[in-house]
């Protein structure tokens, strides 16, 4: 069954990402939620389902969220019919939206609040704890951890192989960071807004050759939310609902050492499914929110989703064709390289940004006339590939 045009997002909310030691994680969740509810035009009591995704900085906080804390915090005890956690790492955004759309289409819910909150910058006891956390999730304890595998190592493997296969240069990879920072400079919610140069990226500390420190995502505190309802309902509450038009996904591995192709994954197949369902193609897309935990994954996602040929993305980034005001508006919130990595929230923030662009609410970084957006996401050590197509209208 196709979900094309059956569900729409009518409201979004987001708090700034960064280091906020005095802002409790629940505050990020509640503030984002109330912003999304207000933006949607509904009353809080209209919500009949809340879907919080996973929080990884603290097991106790996560268990509270999956057992209904947000229902109580929003003053909705007795009216919300269901609270359930949906979690697939960085692809949780796409998973939440698809599940919410399915529940709405079947009549199981009418208004669903999807949200995320995280405190990875200041909620953990030390930077080492954060490193340890992201050195074990999706890394096999039996076959990879004993040999020192970790996320920067994973990114290095992909980067080395991709450079070998395509001839992409270090300067072109660094240009991805510069491009994302150009967008973050215009984003008041971004963790890093200071201009960046290719030279600055390439002179930063080496992490895992050839990946350098300023090519790595930065752990952050943050929170974001969105409200989903039926397409029919949406028209009653907003003049510009954003419709779910297409969704495609593939799971290709659990641990990285079992991935048969380190530089493609399942994006091409996922993109075909999403575009076919939407009745659109890459040339129809106005905004590209491409998952970017490291530069290599943004290049791969951009190419495999169909926006240019294999090995051409690096030069487009180097020439500034992905900057604000350019032909290819890519990762317009600055992504995890500049807005900050909030765990599963990195993907949620990117999805919220795509919705924001289509709603015309992106202020200085608004892409003029944006009608259709493509959002990619992936979780763990890039075990799945999601492509989601959104639009302000429903193509025939």
Protein backbone atom coordinates (compact mmCIF):
# COMPACT_ATOMS: atom_id res chain seq x y z
CA UNK A 1 0.00 0.00 0.00
CA UNK A 2 1.40 3.38 -0.97
CA UNK A 3 1.37 6.14 1.65
CA UNK A 4 1.87 8.83 -1.00
CA UNK A 5 0.05 11.98 0.04
CA UNK A 6 -1.86 10.24 2.83
CA UNK A 7 -0.12 12.00 5.73
CA UNK A 8 1.33 15.46 6.27
CA UNK A 9 3.50 17.30 8.75
CA UNK A 10 1.82 20.44 10.06
CA UNK A 11 4.18 21.70 12.76
CA UNK A 12 7.85 21.65 13.74
CA UNK A 13 9.89 22.67 16.76
CA UNK A 14 13.59 22.76 17.61
CA UNK A 15 15.90 24.09 20.31
CA UNK A 16 19.48 25.18 19.55
CA UNK A 17 22.15 22.49 19.43
CA UNK A 18 25.43 22.84 21.31
CA UNK A 19 26.77 22.78 24.84
CA UNK A 20 23.97 23.65 27.28
CA UNK A 21 24.95 22.33 30.74
CA UNK A 22 22.11 24.22 32.45
CA UNK A 23 19.38 22.99 30.06
CA UNK A 24 17.99 19.64 31.19
CA UNK A 25 17.32 17.08 28.47
CA UNK A 26 13.62 17.02 29.33
CA UNK A 27 13.54 20.79 28.80
CA UNK A 28 14.84 20.30 25.26
CA UNK A 29 12.07 17.76 24.68
CA UNK A 30 9.26 19.82 26.19
CA UNK A 31 10.25 23.08 24.52
CA UNK A 32 10.60 21.41 21.11
CA UNK A 33 7.26 19.66 21.59
CA UNK A 34 5.36 22.81 22.55
CA UNK A 35 6.91 24.70 19.62
CA UNK A 36 5.77 21.97 17.23
CA UNK A 37 2.27 21.88 18.72
CA UNK A 38 1.93 25.66 18.53
CA UNK A 39 3.28 25.69 14.99
CA UNK A 40 0.75 23.03 13.96
CA UNK A 41 -2.26 25.06 15.07
CA UNK A 42 -3.73 22.20 17.10
CA UNK A 43 -4.34 22.13 20.84
CA UNK A 44 -2.16 19.82 22.96
CA UNK A 45 -5.20 17.74 23.87
CA UNK A 46 -5.71 16.93 20.17
CA UNK A 47 -2.68 14.64 20.33
CA UNK A 48 -3.60 10.99 20.66
CA UNK A 49 -0.13 9.49 20.24
CA UNK A 50 3.43 10.45 21.19
CA UNK A 51 6.48 8.81 19.61
CA UNK A 52 9.76 9.69 21.33
CA UNK A 53 12.83 8.20 19.73
CA UNK A 54 15.78 6.83 21.67
CA UNK A 55 18.11 8.90 23.83
CA UNK A 56 21.53 7.39 24.41
CA UNK A 57 23.28 9.69 26.90
CA UNK A 58 21.41 8.29 29.92
CA UNK A 59 19.58 4.95 30.27
CA UNK A 60 17.30 6.20 33.04
CA UNK A 61 16.12 9.19 31.03
CA UNK A 62 15.54 6.99 28.00
CA UNK A 63 13.43 4.54 30.02
CA UNK A 64 11.35 7.45 31.35
CA UNK A 65 10.66 8.68 27.82
CA UNK A 66 9.63 5.27 26.52
CA UNK A 67 7.31 4.75 29.51
CA UNK A 68 5.31 7.94 29.10
CA UNK A 69 7.11 10.84 30.75
CA UNK A 70 6.31 13.22 27.87
CA UNK A 71 2.58 12.54 28.26
CA UNK A 72 2.77 13.78 31.82
CA UNK A 73 5.12 16.67 31.06
CA UNK A 74 2.73 17.97 28.40
CA UNK A 75 -0.27 17.67 30.75
CA UNK A 76 -1.96 15.04 28.60
CA UNK A 77 -2.47 12.14 31.02
CA UNK A 78 -5.76 10.45 30.30
CA UNK A 79 -6.13 11.89 26.80
CA UNK A 80 -3.14 10.47 24.90
CA UNK A 81 -3.98 6.92 23.86
CA UNK A 82 -0.46 5.63 23.21
CA UNK A 83 3.20 6.40 23.92
CA UNK A 84 5.72 4.22 22.11
CA UNK A 85 9.40 4.53 21.32
CA UNK A 86 10.67 4.09 17.76
CA UNK A 87 14.43 3.87 17.43
CA UNK A 88 16.82 2.97 14.62
CA UNK A 89 19.73 5.26 15.39
CA UNK A 90 20.31 8.04 12.88
CA UNK A 91 17.49 6.79 10.66
CA UNK A 92 14.92 7.12 13.47
CA UNK A 93 13.55 10.26 11.82
CA UNK A 94 12.54 8.41 8.66
CA UNK A 95 11.30 5.40 10.62
CA UNK A 96 9.15 7.54 12.92
CA UNK A 97 7.58 9.43 10.04
CA UNK A 98 6.81 6.27 8.06
CA UNK A 99 5.27 4.51 11.07
CA UNK A 100 3.28 7.62 12.01
CA UNK A 101 1.94 7.90 8.45
CA UNK A 102 0.90 4.24 8.48
CA UNK A 103 -0.90 4.57 11.81
CA UNK A 104 -2.75 7.64 10.58
CA UNK A 105 -3.74 5.98 7.30
CA UNK A 106 -5.22 2.99 9.17
CA UNK A 107 -7.17 5.26 11.52
CA UNK A 108 -5.18 4.14 14.57
CA UNK A 109 -4.25 7.75 15.36
CA UNK A 110 -5.23 11.23 14.25
CA UNK A 111 -2.48 13.55 15.51
CA UNK A 112 0.98 12.17 16.35
CA UNK A 113 3.84 14.02 18.00
CA UNK A 114 7.29 12.68 17.05
CA UNK A 115 10.21 14.01 19.05
CA UNK A 116 13.79 13.63 20.10
CA UNK A 117 16.02 15.07 22.83
CA UNK A 118 19.63 14.42 23.69
CA UNK A 119 22.44 15.69 25.91
CA UNK A 120 25.60 14.23 24.38
CA UNK A 121 27.75 17.35 24.88
CA UNK A 122 27.21 18.00 28.59
CA UNK A 123 25.10 15.12 29.90
CA UNK A 124 27.90 12.55 29.88
CA UNK A 125 30.60 12.42 32.54
CA UNK A 126 33.54 12.82 30.17
CA UNK A 127 34.49 13.10 26.53
CA UNK A 128 35.89 9.57 26.83
CA UNK A 129 32.43 8.29 27.74
CA UNK A 130 31.08 9.78 24.53
CA UNK A 131 33.90 8.23 22.53
CA UNK A 132 33.26 4.86 24.17
CA UNK A 133 29.55 5.15 23.46
CA UNK A 134 30.12 5.67 19.75
CA UNK A 135 32.79 3.02 19.60
CA UNK A 136 30.42 0.22 20.55
CA UNK A 137 27.02 0.92 18.99
CA UNK A 138 26.91 -1.13 15.82
CA UNK A 139 30.50 -2.35 16.29
CA UNK A 140 30.75 -6.10 16.87
CA UNK A 141 32.11 -7.04 20.29
CA UNK A 142 33.22 -10.42 18.91
CA UNK A 143 34.83 -9.47 15.61
CA UNK A 144 35.58 -5.73 15.53
CA UNK A 145 36.07 -4.20 18.99
CA UNK A 146 39.12 -6.42 19.77
CA UNK A 147 40.86 -4.99 16.71
CA UNK A 148 40.17 -1.35 17.60
CA UNK A 149 37.23 -0.62 15.31
CA UNK A 150 35.41 2.65 16.07
CA UNK A 151 33.40 5.26 14.17
CA UNK A 152 36.30 7.34 12.89
CA UNK A 153 37.92 4.10 11.74
CA UNK A 154 34.74 3.14 9.92
CA UNK A 155 34.65 6.53 8.19
CA UNK A 156 38.32 6.16 7.28
CA UNK A 157 37.68 2.80 5.61
CA UNK A 158 34.89 4.26 3.49
CA UNK A 159 36.89 7.38 2.67
CA UNK A 160 40.00 5.47 1.58
CA UNK A 161 38.01 3.11 -0.62
CA UNK A 162 35.93 5.90 -2.16
CA UNK A 163 39.04 7.97 -2.93
CA UNK A 164 40.63 4.93 -4.59
CA UNK A 165 37.55 4.17 -6.70
CA UNK A 166 36.67 7.72 -7.75
CA UNK A 167 39.84 9.83 -7.55
CA UNK A 168 38.17 12.23 -5.12
CA UNK A 169 40.75 14.45 -3.37
CA UNK A 170 41.24 15.50 0.23
CA UNK A 171 40.40 19.07 -0.78
CA UNK A 172 37.07 17.95 -2.21
CA UNK A 173 36.25 16.03 0.98
CA UNK A 174 37.17 19.07 3.07
CA UNK A 175 34.89 21.17 0.86
CA UNK A 176 31.90 19.25 2.26
CA UNK A 177 32.69 20.66 5.72
CA UNK A 178 33.02 24.17 4.28
CA UNK A 179 29.70 23.86 2.46
CA UNK A 180 27.86 22.71 5.56
CA UNK A 181 29.40 25.53 7.57
CA UNK A 182 28.18 28.05 4.99
CA UNK A 183 24.64 26.94 5.78
CA UNK A 184 25.27 26.80 9.54
CA UNK A 185 26.43 30.42 9.49
CA UNK A 186 22.80 31.27 8.65
CA UNK A 187 21.29 28.89 11.22
CA UNK A 188 20.69 30.29 14.74
CA UNK A 189 20.23 26.73 16.06
CA UNK A 190 23.66 25.54 14.86
CA UNK A 191 26.47 24.67 17.26
CA UNK A 192 29.20 26.09 14.98
CA UNK A 193 28.62 29.28 12.98
CA UNK A 194 32.16 30.58 12.51
CA UNK A 195 33.34 30.50 8.85
CA UNK A 196 35.61 27.59 7.91
CA UNK A 197 38.19 27.11 5.15
CA UNK A 198 39.52 24.05 3.36
CA UNK A 199 42.98 24.84 4.73
CA UNK A 200 41.61 24.87 8.27
CA UNK A 201 40.02 21.45 7.78
CA UNK A 202 43.14 19.89 6.26
CA UNK A 203 45.44 21.28 8.97
CA UNK A 204 43.37 19.86 11.83
CA UNK A 205 44.47 16.81 13.82
CA UNK A 206 44.44 13.45 12.08
CA UNK A 207 41.93 11.03 13.62
CA UNK A 208 42.00 7.94 11.42
CA UNK A 209 43.82 8.46 8.15
CA UNK A 210 42.63 10.24 6.05
CA UNK A 211 39.85 11.59 8.32
CA UNK A 212 40.77 14.70 10.32
CA UNK A 213 39.24 16.23 13.44
CA UNK A 214 37.28 18.91 11.59
CA UNK A 215 35.82 16.26 9.30
CA UNK A 216 34.17 14.60 12.29
CA UNK A 217 30.74 15.35 13.69
CA UNK A 218 30.62 17.01 17.11
CA UNK A 219 28.49 15.66 19.97
CA UNK A 220 25.84 18.14 21.07
CA UNK A 221 22.82 18.73 23.28
CA UNK A 222 19.59 19.39 21.40
CA UNK A 223 15.99 18.53 20.67
CA UNK A 224 13.45 18.67 17.84
CA UNK A 225 9.88 17.59 17.13
CA UNK A 226 7.20 17.43 14.45
CA UNK A 227 3.43 16.82 14.32
CA UNK A 228 1.91 14.43 11.77
CA UNK A 229 -1.73 14.07 10.75
CA UNK A 230 -3.79 13.03 7.74
CA UNK A 231 -3.65 15.04 4.54
CA UNK A 232 -7.34 15.84 4.97
CA UNK A 233 -6.84 17.13 8.50
CA UNK A 234 -3.74 19.09 7.55
CA UNK A 235 -5.64 21.50 5.32
CA UNK A 236 -7.77 22.56 8.29
CA UNK A 237 -4.79 23.67 10.35
CA UNK A 238 -2.18 25.11 7.98
CA UNK A 239 -2.01 26.75 4.58
CA UNK A 240 1.19 24.88 3.78
CA UNK A 241 1.24 21.28 4.97
CA UNK A 242 4.21 19.15 3.97
CA UNK A 243 3.16 15.79 2.54
CA UNK A 244 5.00 12.49 2.75
CA UNK A 245 5.25 11.56 -0.93
CA UNK A 246 7.67 8.65 -1.03
CA UNK A 247 9.83 6.49 1.19
CA UNK A 248 12.44 3.88 0.39
CA UNK A 249 14.92 1.96 2.54
CA UNK A 250 17.36 -0.93 2.60
CA UNK A 251 19.18 -2.70 5.43
CA UNK A 252 22.54 -3.95 4.15
CA UNK A 253 24.47 -5.12 7.23
CA UNK A 254 24.82 -5.01 11.01
CA UNK A 255 28.56 -4.57 11.43
CA UNK A 256 30.63 -2.67 8.92
CA UNK A 257 32.95 -5.57 8.19
CA UNK A 258 29.96 -7.40 6.68
CA UNK A 259 29.00 -4.58 4.31
CA UNK A 260 29.64 -5.87 0.76
CA UNK A 261 30.18 -2.37 -0.68
CA UNK A 262 31.79 0.25 1.57
CA UNK A 263 30.92 3.19 -0.68
CA UNK A 264 27.38 2.62 -1.95
CA UNK A 265 25.20 0.88 0.65
CA UNK A 266 21.50 0.67 -0.29
CA UNK A 267 20.84 4.28 -1.28
CA UNK A 268 20.32 3.70 -5.01
CA UNK A 269 17.63 1.08 -4.41
CA UNK A 270 16.03 3.12 -1.61
CA UNK A 271 15.99 6.23 -3.80
CA UNK A 272 14.36 4.38 -6.68
CA UNK A 273 11.57 3.16 -4.42
CA UNK A 274 11.05 6.63 -2.91
CA UNK A 275 11.05 8.48 -6.24
CA UNK A 276 8.82 5.89 -7.91
CA UNK A 277 6.28 6.18 -5.09
CA UNK A 278 6.38 9.97 -5.22
CA UNK A 279 6.14 10.11 -9.02
CA UNK A 280 9.19 12.38 -9.08
CA UNK A 281 12.88 12.21 -9.96
CA UNK A 282 16.08 13.87 -8.75
CA UNK A 283 15.62 16.78 -11.16
CA UNK A 284 12.37 17.71 -9.40
CA UNK A 285 14.01 18.15 -6.00
CA UNK A 286 14.63 21.66 -4.69
CA UNK A 287 16.28 20.85 -1.34
CA UNK A 288 18.60 17.93 -0.51
CA UNK A 289 19.03 17.12 3.19
CA UNK A 290 21.84 14.55 2.97
CA UNK A 291 23.01 12.73 6.11
CA UNK A 292 26.53 13.86 6.96
CA UNK A 293 28.15 12.38 10.07
CA UNK A 294 31.42 12.48 8.07
CA UNK A 295 32.01 14.11 4.66
CA UNK A 296 32.27 10.78 2.86
CA UNK A 297 28.71 9.81 3.72
CA UNK A 298 27.34 13.08 2.40
CA UNK A 299 29.12 12.53 -0.92
CA UNK A 300 27.88 8.93 -1.14
CA UNK A 301 24.30 9.87 -0.22
CA UNK A 302 24.25 12.75 -2.72
CA UNK A 303 25.50 10.58 -5.59
CA UNK A 304 23.62 7.38 -4.83
CA UNK A 305 20.33 9.27 -4.43
CA UNK A 306 20.81 10.41 -8.00
CA UNK A 307 21.83 14.08 -7.87
CA UNK A 308 25.02 13.54 -9.87
CA UNK A 309 27.11 10.73 -11.32
CA UNK A 310 29.47 8.58 -9.27
CA UNK A 311 32.65 10.48 -8.34
CA UNK A 312 31.33 13.93 -9.38
CA UNK A 313 30.01 15.18 -6.03
CA UNK A 314 33.37 16.25 -4.60
CA UNK A 315 34.00 18.74 -7.39
CA UNK A 316 30.51 20.21 -7.03
CA UNK A 317 31.18 20.84 -3.35
CA UNK A 318 34.65 22.25 -4.11
CA UNK A 319 33.19 24.69 -6.65
CA UNK A 320 30.64 25.96 -4.14
CA UNK A 321 27.65 24.63 -6.06
CA UNK A 322 26.11 23.35 -2.81
CA UNK A 323 26.36 26.65 -0.91
CA UNK A 324 23.45 28.99 -0.08
CA UNK A 325 22.10 30.50 -3.28
CA UNK A 326 23.59 27.71 -5.38
CA UNK A 327 22.16 25.12 -7.76
CA UNK A 328 22.20 22.32 -5.17
CA UNK A 329 21.03 23.39 -1.68
CA UNK A 330 22.51 20.51 0.33
CA UNK A 331 22.11 19.91 4.10
CA UNK A 332 20.79 23.40 4.70
CA UNK A 333 20.92 23.36 8.51
CA UNK A 334 24.66 22.64 8.54
CA UNK A 335 24.20 18.98 9.38
CA UNK A 336 26.02 17.06 12.08
CA UNK A 337 29.31 18.56 10.94
CA UNK A 338 28.15 22.05 11.97
CA UNK A 339 24.73 22.02 13.65
CA UNK A 340 25.95 19.21 15.89
CA UNK A 341 25.43 15.49 16.38
CA UNK A 342 22.57 14.83 18.79
CA UNK A 343 22.51 11.06 18.39
CA UNK A 344 19.34 9.98 16.63
CA UNK A 345 18.47 13.67 16.65
CA UNK A 346 20.95 14.37 13.88
CA UNK A 347 18.56 12.72 11.45
CA UNK A 348 15.49 14.24 13.12
CA UNK A 349 16.97 17.75 12.85
CA UNK A 350 17.71 17.15 9.17
CA UNK A 351 14.14 16.00 8.51
CA UNK A 352 12.78 18.99 10.44
CA UNK A 353 14.99 21.25 8.32
CA UNK A 354 13.60 19.77 5.11
CA UNK A 355 10.08 20.40 6.39
CA UNK A 356 11.05 23.92 7.46
CA UNK A 357 12.35 24.72 3.99
CA UNK A 358 9.13 23.53 2.35
CA UNK A 359 7.04 25.49 4.84
CA UNK A 360 9.02 28.61 3.90
CA UNK A 361 10.21 29.16 7.49
CA UNK A 362 13.99 28.93 7.04
CA UNK A 363 14.56 32.71 7.19
CA UNK A 364 18.05 33.70 5.91
CA UNK A 365 18.77 30.27 4.48
CA UNK A 366 15.39 29.82 2.82
CA UNK A 367 15.56 28.17 -0.60
CA UNK A 368 13.27 30.29 -2.74
CA UNK A 369 10.26 28.49 -4.19
CA UNK A 370 11.10 25.13 -2.60
CA UNK A 371 8.36 22.59 -3.35
CA UNK A 372 10.04 19.18 -3.02
CA UNK A 373 12.74 17.91 -0.67
CA UNK A 374 14.72 14.68 -0.42
CA UNK A 375 16.00 13.63 3.01
CA UNK A 376 18.42 10.77 3.57
CA UNK A 377 19.25 9.07 6.86
CA UNK A 378 21.09 6.06 8.21
CA UNK A 379 21.72 4.47 11.60
CA UNK A 380 24.45 2.66 13.50
CA UNK A 381 27.52 1.98 11.39
CA UNK A 382 25.43 2.97 8.35
CA UNK A 383 23.47 -0.28 8.47
CA UNK A 384 20.44 1.08 6.62
CA UNK A 385 19.79 3.62 3.88
CA UNK A 386 16.61 5.71 3.96
CA UNK A 387 15.38 8.18 1.34
CA UNK A 388 12.28 10.22 2.11
CA UNK A 389 10.58 12.52 -0.40
CA UNK A 390 8.50 15.43 0.93
CA UNK A 391 6.46 18.04 -0.90
CA UNK A 392 4.06 20.95 -0.63
CA UNK A 393 1.85 19.37 -3.26
CA UNK A 394 0.91 15.84 -4.31
CA UNK A 395 2.02 15.00 -7.87
CA UNK A 396 -0.34 12.96 -10.04
